[in-house]
Protein backbone atom coordinates (compact mmCIF):
# COMPACT_ATOMS: atom_id res chain seq x y z
CA MET A 1 90.98 107.43 99.50
CA LEU A 2 89.55 110.52 97.78
CA GLU A 3 85.83 109.73 97.82
CA GLU A 4 84.88 112.54 95.43
CA LEU A 5 87.06 111.06 92.68
CA VAL A 6 85.31 107.68 92.60
CA VAL A 7 81.77 109.03 92.16
CA PRO A 8 80.52 108.08 88.64
CA ILE A 9 80.62 110.96 86.17
CA SER A 10 77.29 109.91 84.66
CA ASP A 11 75.00 106.89 84.52
CA GLU A 12 75.72 106.33 80.82
CA ALA A 13 79.50 106.73 81.14
CA PRO A 14 80.61 106.26 84.77
CA CYS A 15 84.25 106.88 83.85
CA GLY A 16 83.55 109.66 81.39
CA GLU A 17 84.86 110.19 77.88
CA TYR A 18 87.89 109.09 75.88
CA LEU A 19 90.05 112.18 76.39
CA LYS A 20 92.18 111.93 73.27
CA ASP A 21 89.07 112.30 71.13
CA ASN A 22 88.63 115.74 72.71
CA ARG A 23 92.00 117.18 71.75
CA SER A 24 91.54 120.72 73.02
CA VAL A 25 90.57 119.49 76.50
CA TYR A 26 93.36 116.90 76.61
CA ARG A 27 95.90 119.47 75.41
CA SER A 28 95.05 121.81 78.29
CA TYR A 29 95.82 119.06 80.83
CA ARG A 30 98.96 118.08 78.95
CA ASN A 31 100.18 121.69 78.92
CA ALA A 32 99.69 121.96 82.69
CA PHE A 33 101.69 118.77 83.15
CA ASN A 34 104.48 119.95 80.83
CA MET A 35 104.71 123.27 82.69
CA ALA A 36 105.06 121.48 86.04
CA GLN A 37 107.70 119.16 84.61
CA SER A 38 109.65 122.07 83.19
CA SER A 39 109.77 124.00 86.46
CA PHE A 40 110.86 120.89 88.37
CA ARG A 41 113.56 120.15 85.81
CA GLN A 42 114.96 123.63 86.41
CA LEU A 43 115.33 122.84 90.10
CA ILE A 44 117.10 119.51 89.68
CA GLU A 45 119.43 120.52 86.85
CA ASP A 46 120.75 123.72 88.47
CA PRO A 47 122.41 123.14 91.89
CA ASP A 48 121.73 126.75 92.90
CA ALA A 49 118.08 126.76 91.84
CA LEU A 50 116.87 125.27 95.13
CA ASN A 51 118.13 128.41 96.87
CA ASN A 52 116.05 130.59 94.53
CA ASN A 53 112.76 131.14 96.37
CA GLU A 54 111.08 132.46 93.25
CA LEU A 55 111.80 129.28 91.28
CA VAL A 56 110.84 127.06 94.20
CA GLU A 57 107.51 128.85 94.65
CA ALA A 58 106.79 128.81 90.91
CA ASN A 59 107.39 125.05 90.85
CA ALA A 60 105.03 124.49 93.80
CA GLU A 61 102.35 126.62 92.14
CA ASN A 62 102.64 124.70 88.86
CA TRP A 63 102.18 121.34 90.58
CA ALA A 64 99.29 122.68 92.67
CA LEU A 65 97.60 123.89 89.48
CA LEU A 66 98.15 120.48 87.85
CA SER A 67 96.68 118.72 90.89
CA SER A 68 93.59 120.93 90.76
CA GLU A 69 93.16 120.44 87.00
CA CYS A 70 93.49 116.67 87.35
CA GLU A 71 90.94 116.52 90.17
CA ASN A 72 88.46 118.49 88.09
CA CYS A 73 89.01 116.16 85.12
CA LEU A 74 88.61 113.01 87.21
CA LYS A 75 85.38 114.30 88.77
CA THR A 76 83.65 115.77 85.72
CA VAL A 77 85.33 114.78 82.45
CA SER A 78 87.22 111.47 82.44
CA LYS A 79 88.57 108.97 84.93
CA ASP A 80 91.63 108.48 82.74
CA ILE A 81 94.57 106.53 84.17
CA GLU A 82 97.07 108.99 82.69
CA ILE A 83 95.34 111.84 84.55
CA PHE A 84 95.49 109.70 87.72
CA CYS A 85 99.25 109.32 87.19
CA TRP A 86 99.73 113.08 86.88
CA HIS A 87 97.54 113.64 89.92
CA ALA A 88 99.59 111.15 91.95
CA VAL A 89 102.98 112.72 91.20
CA SER A 90 101.64 116.23 91.83
CA GLN A 91 100.88 115.21 95.43
CA LEU A 92 104.61 114.90 96.14
CA PHE A 93 104.85 118.69 95.84
CA SER A 94 102.00 119.38 98.28
CA ARG A 95 102.20 120.25 101.98
CA LYS A 96 101.67 116.59 102.97
CA PRO A 97 103.38 114.77 100.09
CA LEU A 98 103.39 111.18 101.30
CA GLU A 99 99.94 111.26 102.90
CA ASN A 100 98.43 112.82 99.77
CA LEU A 101 100.24 110.40 97.45
CA GLN A 102 98.88 107.54 99.55
CA HIS A 103 95.31 108.82 99.12
CA SER A 104 95.73 109.33 95.37
CA LEU A 105 97.07 105.80 94.86
CA GLU A 106 94.35 104.30 97.07
CA THR A 107 91.75 105.99 94.87
CA LEU A 108 93.29 104.52 91.73
CA ASP A 109 93.48 101.13 93.43
CA TYR A 110 89.75 101.30 94.24
CA LEU A 111 88.80 102.06 90.64
CA VAL A 112 91.13 99.42 89.20
CA THR A 113 89.49 96.90 91.52
CA ASN A 114 85.87 97.94 91.08
CA ASP A 115 85.56 99.56 87.65
CA TRP A 116 88.41 98.29 85.47
CA ALA A 117 86.15 97.57 82.50
CA ASN A 118 85.04 101.22 82.30
CA LEU A 119 88.30 102.99 83.15
CA GLN A 120 89.68 105.34 80.53
CA PRO A 121 91.54 105.38 78.22
CA MET A 122 89.17 103.17 76.24
CA SER A 123 89.53 103.73 72.50
CA PRO A 124 86.34 103.67 70.40
CA GLU A 125 85.83 100.31 68.71
CA GLU A 126 86.38 101.79 65.24
CA LYS A 127 89.94 102.71 66.25
CA LEU A 128 90.84 99.21 67.40
CA LYS A 129 92.87 96.87 65.20
CA ALA A 130 91.19 93.71 66.48
CA GLU A 131 87.86 92.57 65.08
CA ASP A 132 87.01 89.82 67.58
CA ASP A 133 85.86 90.50 71.14
CA ALA A 134 88.90 88.87 72.76
CA GLY A 135 91.25 91.02 70.72
CA LYS A 136 89.32 94.18 71.59
CA GLN A 137 89.45 93.37 75.30
CA ARG A 138 93.21 92.83 75.03
CA GLU A 139 93.74 96.18 73.26
CA TRP A 140 91.67 98.03 75.86
CA ALA A 141 93.63 96.41 78.71
CA GLU A 142 96.98 97.28 77.14
CA GLY A 143 95.74 100.83 76.52
CA ARG A 144 95.05 101.21 80.25
CA VAL A 145 98.43 99.75 81.21
CA LYS A 146 100.46 102.03 78.94
CA PRO A 147 100.09 105.27 80.96
CA LEU A 148 101.05 103.45 84.16
CA VAL A 149 104.57 102.96 82.77
CA GLN A 150 105.30 106.69 82.98
CA LEU A 151 104.33 106.67 86.67
CA VAL A 152 106.13 103.55 87.92
CA GLY A 153 109.02 103.38 85.43
CA ASP A 154 110.35 100.51 83.36
CA THR A 155 114.02 100.81 84.37
CA ALA A 156 115.91 101.84 87.50
CA GLU A 157 115.83 105.59 88.13
CA SER A 158 112.88 106.10 85.78
CA GLY A 159 109.25 106.98 86.28
CA LEU A 160 107.56 110.17 87.43
CA LEU A 161 107.71 109.22 91.11
CA TYR A 162 111.43 108.41 91.20
CA MET A 163 113.10 111.81 91.51
CA PRO A 164 110.54 113.55 93.76
CA LEU A 165 110.77 110.60 96.18
CA GLN A 166 114.57 110.93 96.35
CA MET A 167 114.24 114.62 97.26
CA LEU A 168 111.61 114.28 99.99
CA THR A 169 112.68 115.28 103.50
CA LEU A 170 112.79 112.20 105.73
CA VAL A 171 114.00 113.60 109.07
CA ALA A 172 115.66 116.92 109.95
CA ASP A 173 116.80 118.20 106.54
CA ILE A 174 117.92 114.75 105.38
CA ASP A 175 116.66 113.30 102.10
CA TYR A 176 117.80 110.15 100.32
CA GLY A 177 120.37 112.12 98.32
CA LYS A 178 122.16 113.20 101.51
CA PHE A 179 121.95 109.68 102.88
CA PHE A 180 123.47 108.27 99.70
CA LEU A 181 126.37 110.75 99.75
CA ALA A 182 127.02 110.03 103.44
CA GLU A 183 127.08 106.31 102.72
CA LYS A 184 129.62 106.82 99.94
CA SER A 185 131.82 109.09 102.07
CA GLY A 186 131.66 106.90 105.17
CA THR A 187 129.91 109.51 107.33
CA LEU A 188 126.66 107.66 108.00
CA ALA A 189 127.30 107.63 111.76
CA ASP A 190 127.32 111.43 111.84
CA LEU A 191 124.14 111.58 109.76
CA LYS A 192 122.45 109.10 112.08
CA SER A 193 123.38 111.22 115.10
CA GLN A 194 121.88 114.26 113.39
CA ALA A 195 118.66 112.35 112.66
CA LEU A 196 118.32 111.02 116.21
CA GLY A 197 118.98 114.49 117.58
CA ALA A 198 116.12 115.94 115.53
CA LEU A 199 113.75 113.05 116.26
CA SER A 200 112.62 114.35 119.65
CA SER A 201 110.96 117.37 118.03
CA GLU A 202 109.81 115.53 114.86
CA ARG A 203 108.65 112.18 116.23
CA ALA A 204 105.00 112.54 115.18
CA GLU A 205 105.87 113.73 111.66
CA VAL A 206 108.48 111.02 111.13
CA THR A 207 106.09 108.32 112.36
CA GLU A 208 103.43 109.56 109.92
CA ARG A 209 105.96 109.45 107.06
CA ILE A 210 106.87 105.87 107.89
CA LEU A 211 103.21 104.80 108.07
CA SER A 212 102.39 106.57 104.79
CA LEU A 213 105.35 104.96 103.02
CA GLY A 214 104.17 101.57 104.27
CA LYS A 215 100.65 102.23 102.95
CA ILE A 216 102.03 103.49 99.62
CA TYR A 217 104.06 100.28 99.22
CA GLU A 218 101.04 98.10 100.04
CA THR A 219 98.86 100.02 97.59
CA LEU A 220 101.42 99.71 94.80
CA VAL A 221 101.53 95.95 95.41
CA SER A 222 97.72 95.82 95.29
CA ILE A 223 97.45 97.80 92.03
CA GLU A 224 100.19 95.71 90.43
CA LYS A 225 98.44 92.48 91.39
CA LYS A 226 95.02 93.58 90.17
CA VAL A 227 96.35 94.92 86.88
CA ALA A 228 98.22 91.63 86.35
CA GLU A 229 95.02 89.66 86.98
CA GLU A 230 93.05 91.73 84.47
CA CYS A 231 95.81 91.47 81.86
CA ASN A 232 96.19 87.72 82.34
CA ARG A 233 92.44 87.29 81.92
CA VAL A 234 92.58 88.69 78.36
CA ALA A 235 96.16 87.62 77.49
CA ALA A 236 97.37 91.24 77.50
CA GLN A 237 100.90 92.45 78.23
CA GLY A 238 101.14 93.45 81.89
CA ILE A 239 103.50 95.73 83.79
CA SER A 240 105.94 95.36 86.68
CA PHE A 241 105.97 97.85 89.55
CA ARG A 242 109.38 96.60 90.65
CA PHE A 243 111.31 99.86 90.30
CA VAL A 244 108.87 102.16 92.06
CA LYS A 245 108.48 99.62 94.88
CA GLU A 246 112.27 99.55 95.24
CA SER A 247 112.30 103.36 95.53
CA VAL A 248 109.72 103.31 98.33
CA ASP A 249 111.44 100.42 100.08
CA ARG A 250 114.75 102.30 99.93
CA LEU A 251 113.21 105.25 101.78
CA LEU A 252 111.79 102.95 104.45
CA LYS A 253 115.15 101.25 104.96
CA THR A 254 116.87 104.63 105.13
CA LEU A 255 114.44 105.86 107.78
CA ARG A 256 114.78 102.64 109.72
CA TYR A 257 118.55 102.97 109.83
CA LEU A 258 118.42 106.63 110.84
CA VAL A 259 115.72 106.68 113.52
CA GLU A 260 114.74 103.18 114.68
CA GLU A 261 116.94 103.43 117.77
CA GLY A 262 115.01 106.52 118.88
CA LEU A 263 111.55 104.95 118.54
CA PRO A 264 109.86 102.68 121.10
CA ARG A 265 108.93 100.35 118.22
CA TRP A 266 109.14 100.44 114.43
CA PRO A 267 105.70 101.76 113.34
CA LEU A 268 105.27 99.13 110.62
CA ASP A 269 105.95 96.17 112.92
CA PRO A 270 102.83 94.31 114.08
CA GLU A 271 101.79 95.22 117.60
CA GLU A 272 102.52 92.61 120.22
CA VAL A 273 99.47 91.03 121.82
CA GLY A 274 99.65 90.65 125.59
CA ILE A 275 99.50 87.04 126.80
CA GLU A 276 98.66 86.04 130.36
CA ASP A 277 101.45 84.46 132.35
CA ASN A 278 101.67 80.67 132.25
CA GLN A 279 99.27 80.56 129.27
CA PRO A 280 100.49 78.99 126.02
CA GLU A 281 100.62 81.35 123.05
CA VAL A 282 97.83 80.61 120.61
CA GLU A 283 97.57 81.99 117.07
CA THR A 284 94.02 82.96 116.12
CA LEU A 285 92.37 84.04 112.90
CA ALA A 286 90.02 86.91 113.77
CA SER A 287 87.64 86.27 110.89
CA SER A 288 87.05 82.59 111.60
CA GLU A 289 85.50 80.77 114.53
CA GLU A 290 86.60 77.34 113.33
CA PRO A 291 90.19 76.28 113.93
CA ILE A 292 92.31 75.74 110.84
CA THR A 293 94.30 72.54 110.82
CA ASN A 294 98.01 72.46 110.14
CA GLY A 295 98.91 72.74 106.51
CA GLU A 296 95.60 74.26 105.43
CA SER A 297 95.30 77.54 103.59
CA VAL A 298 92.33 79.86 103.35
CA GLN A 299 91.02 81.63 100.27
CA THR A 300 90.59 85.38 100.73
CA ALA A 301 87.61 87.34 99.48
CA SER A 302 89.73 89.01 96.80
CA GLY A 303 90.71 85.69 95.31
CA GLY A 304 94.21 85.61 96.78
CA MET A 305 95.48 82.88 99.03
CA ALA A 306 96.27 83.60 102.67
CA MET A 307 98.79 81.15 104.03
CA THR A 308 98.15 80.01 107.60
CA GLY A 309 100.63 78.66 110.09
CA VAL A 310 101.65 75.06 109.49
CA GLY A 311 102.50 74.21 113.07
CA ILE A 312 105.19 71.61 113.60
CA VAL A 313 106.55 70.10 110.40
CA ALA A 314 106.73 66.40 111.14
CA SER A 315 108.47 65.12 108.01
CA ARG A 316 110.49 66.07 104.98
CA GLU A 317 107.53 65.24 102.74
CA GLN A 318 105.28 67.61 104.69
CA ALA A 319 107.89 70.38 104.42
CA LEU A 320 108.07 69.97 100.63
CA ALA A 321 104.26 69.93 100.43
CA GLU A 322 104.09 73.23 102.33
CA LEU A 323 106.74 74.66 100.01
CA GLN A 324 104.54 73.63 97.07
CA LYS A 325 101.65 75.66 98.54
CA ILE A 326 103.90 78.69 98.86
CA ALA A 327 104.98 78.27 95.22
CA GLU A 328 101.33 78.14 94.13
CA TYR A 329 100.65 81.33 96.10
CA PHE A 330 103.40 83.19 94.23
CA LEU A 331 102.14 81.83 90.90
CA GLN A 332 98.74 83.35 91.69
CA ALA A 333 99.84 86.57 93.42
CA GLU A 334 102.97 87.45 91.41
CA PRO A 335 102.78 85.72 88.02
CA HIS A 336 105.49 88.03 86.65
CA SER A 337 107.93 87.12 89.43
CA PRO A 338 110.61 84.37 89.14
CA ILE A 339 109.91 83.23 92.72
CA TYR A 340 107.42 80.56 91.61
CA MET A 341 109.85 78.93 89.17
CA LEU A 342 112.72 79.04 91.68
CA LEU A 343 110.59 77.35 94.33
CA LYS A 344 109.40 74.71 91.85
CA ARG A 345 113.01 73.98 90.95
CA ALA A 346 113.94 73.68 94.63
CA ILE A 347 111.02 71.29 95.21
CA ARG A 348 112.07 69.14 92.23
CA TRP A 349 115.65 69.02 93.50
CA GLY A 350 114.33 68.14 96.95
CA HIS A 351 112.74 64.96 95.56
CA MET A 352 115.91 63.86 93.73
CA PRO A 353 118.46 61.40 95.18
CA LEU A 354 121.72 63.16 96.04
CA PRO A 355 123.79 61.49 93.29
CA GLU A 356 121.28 62.55 90.61
CA LEU A 357 121.17 66.07 92.03
CA LEU A 358 124.96 66.34 91.94
CA GLU A 359 125.03 65.08 88.36
CA GLU A 360 122.48 67.72 87.31
CA LEU A 361 124.25 70.54 89.15
CA ILE A 362 127.81 69.70 88.15
CA GLY A 363 127.23 68.26 84.69
CA ASP A 364 130.13 66.58 82.88
CA ASN A 365 132.94 67.68 85.18
CA ALA A 366 134.11 64.20 86.14
CA VAL A 367 137.00 65.43 88.29
CA VAL A 368 134.72 67.47 90.53
CA GLN A 369 132.07 64.72 90.55
CA SER A 370 134.62 62.14 91.60
CA ARG A 371 135.95 64.32 94.40
CA ILE A 372 132.47 65.07 95.78
CA THR A 373 131.53 61.39 95.49
CA GLN A 374 134.60 60.44 97.52
CA LEU A 375 134.11 63.11 100.20
CA ALA A 376 130.38 62.40 100.54
CA GLY A 377 130.86 58.64 100.78
CA LEU A 378 128.82 57.97 97.65
CA GLU A 379 131.34 55.53 96.24
CA SER A 380 129.85 52.66 98.23
CA ALA A 381 128.12 49.94 96.26
CA GLU A 382 124.59 51.06 97.01
CA HIS A 383 125.24 54.70 96.01
CA THR A 384 127.54 54.26 93.02
CA VAL A 385 126.71 56.52 90.07
CA ASN A 386 128.08 56.13 86.57
CA PHE A 387 129.07 59.65 85.70
CA LYS A 388 129.37 60.74 82.08
CA ALA A 389 132.81 60.71 80.58
CA SER A 390 134.43 64.08 80.20
CA PRO A 391 137.70 65.35 78.77
CA GLU A 392 140.71 65.45 81.03
CA VAL A 393 140.84 68.67 82.99
CA THR A 394 144.12 70.38 83.75
CA TYR A 395 144.21 72.76 86.68
CA THR A 396 146.65 75.64 86.98
CA ALA A 397 147.98 76.03 90.48
CA THR A 398 147.11 79.33 92.03
CA SER A 399 147.93 80.73 95.41
CA THR A 400 145.09 81.14 97.84
CA PRO A 401 144.41 84.82 98.38
CA THR A 402 144.97 86.10 101.87
CA PRO A 403 141.72 87.35 103.36
CA ALA A 404 141.70 91.10 103.68
CA ALA A 405 141.30 92.54 107.13
CA GLU A 406 137.72 93.11 107.98
CA LYS A 407 136.62 96.72 107.77
CA ALA A 408 133.85 97.95 110.01
CA LYS A 409 131.29 99.64 107.88
CA GLU A 410 127.87 101.12 108.30
CA PRO A 411 124.96 99.01 107.07
CA SER A 412 124.03 99.70 103.47
CA VAL A 413 120.47 100.23 102.35
CA SER A 414 121.19 101.51 98.88
CA PRO A 415 120.26 99.44 95.84
CA THR A 416 122.73 97.04 94.29
CA ASN A 417 123.30 99.34 91.33
CA ASP A 418 124.70 102.79 92.00
CA VAL A 419 121.96 105.31 91.67
CA GLY A 420 124.54 107.86 90.56
CA THR A 421 123.61 111.48 90.55
CA LEU A 422 120.12 112.50 91.45
CA THR A 423 119.55 114.08 88.06
CA GLY A 424 119.45 110.79 86.17
CA ILE A 425 115.70 110.74 85.69
CA GLU A 426 113.66 110.02 82.61
CA TRP A 427 111.10 112.76 82.05
């Protein structure tokens, strides 16, 4: 975290002024951002531009200037979330891009957690549409969320972080673009050999990149959760960090495929704890002296729920009860995610008799219902189900396709949707 950026600007206004009321000052920051964007766009739109040292150096200087301007603003003028977003992306053009991005995001995370109510932008009350306090709080929350969209994106391949992340060197001279092309052309094995060959001289740097990417992902999850909590509290529209998290996760999976074989252990895996021979393995919770019984959960200081081990599940009912606790965790931690509803549906289905479940899943298809009933032995007197009548179904005979011969292929870590060319970025 960047300690100097969290120090209050003044006692009266710890997060400073509303920047857009000071147009000349805001315009100077906006111009610096536009200049940095423009120079980067030149590099990604012209294939030969990356070989032009003058353009590359000019781009680096523009982003360094933006970073400096943003730091000055955050320390002395306004702790504005939009300025934080510009500061964060500018770190990806610094000498230590991932480490510096990690520190920038951790600083934003700290302020979102500890000073959300004062964070800028915070429009003056006379500019708000709402007249009641609840409405004003909602408008202020949505005003703070809005600039985050440009950083994290609202569609695949969007957001300020997307393209710079794709172009970052991972190992040797390999970035995600080269990995993607190798995957498409079937030459991943050669690329992996190149990465492993370079690992011996780059092990420390590669390990640091992996650790920083892991911290960046965790921090994005933390900011997303805290913003969601604040928005839910005032019934404001929140924001999903899904796409930027996918971008970071893609880089981690790419690195894992390329170099894991050359590392003694994956840096993000938990370290194994040595256990004396002939001693049973015992799970402990470092922060608690009292044992936690099976099935219990503990409430964390931040208000989240930490799920503990459940030990041996002795019955179907206990298993469903534990699944209910997991569903409640996702409702609290990721209210925007469909995981909660999917788990609730699974729990409801788990409590249904099999005939009722089949009727709900299959619906009015009497032919299929009858066949499943016969195969499952549900036609006995104690399991008979009166299925709904349905129209007669006529099936057209089709030949069963012959399975194609299996093709050996390299593992894929790219997203489900083609990312296409690396210039498809929203700026």
